[in-house]
Amino acid sequence: MAMNANRGVPGLRDLNPREHEHLESRHISIGHHAAALPAPDELDFMQLAPFNSDAGSQMLLFRFFCFQIVLLASLAVPMSPAFAQREDMSIGDQPGYIPNATDEELPLQFRRQTVFYRSTEAPGTIIVHTAERFLYVVQPNGRAIRYGIGVGRDGFQWQGLLHITRKQEWPDWTPPPEMIERQPYLPRFMAGGPGNPMGARALYLGTTVYRIHGTNQPKTIGSAVSSGCFRLVNGDVIDLYERIPVGTKVIVRQKPEL
């Protein structure tokens, strides 16, 4: 016959199985702090406090606040230009659409600004970083003027070295046959003006069909959407047009330099 371990202990009555289970659960819940339990003769099992689940709630709350701190810290880190681009956009041209001043307001990273930029190219050289969605005009003393741009979508991106061969204010637009095949609604010819997809200015690259030009779709800046040309908002392309003479070297790179 098994003996009850509680017999002979003053002040401690026999525990039924249910009370044993309750006591063990309290002992487990506090782990190495079990020594802090009252002495056996001080226990009143009729008035035991219910199991305290606050520890689990506090741990969840602590983890939540840690997550919030990490999230805020990650947002505070400046975005690398290599990850500045917006999602690629499958939007067609909108001949005749005239953007307003609000449309022309770009996200901060795509606004025209002077930045530090290391390059061995001469000041005045244009360097296009397709992957980053930026166009740089090299300046003296390790700086460059940076413009946010829209670039060619997949299958229409390229790289190389060309020169500006011609400049045009409010250029006309003659969509090539390949573009009309993809977008049959396009006009065969459109005179220059605010609603022209070529925008306010155009700088022609070598003898190719590619240009650096304005746009009547400011929301496409930072996206891969064109047929290989590089587009800027009209205010930026006007600024670039005034800075860049015919004959300027243009370097187009698809991948950022390491």
Foldseek 3Di string as FASTA:
>chain_A
DDDQPCPPPPQADDDDVVLVVVVVVVCVVVPPCSVVDDDRNPDDSVDDDPDDPVVVVVVVVVVVVVVVVVVVVVVPDDDDLLPQFDEADQDAADFPFFDDPVQQDDPPVQAKDKDFADDPDDAQAWEAAQSSQWIWGDDPDRMTTIHFKEFADPPQEDWDKWFFADKDFQQKDADDPVSCVVVVVDDRIGGGDRRGQQEGMWTDTHPDPEIEGEGSRSVNGRHNHDNGYMYGHRVVVVVSRVRHDGGHMYTYDHHDDD
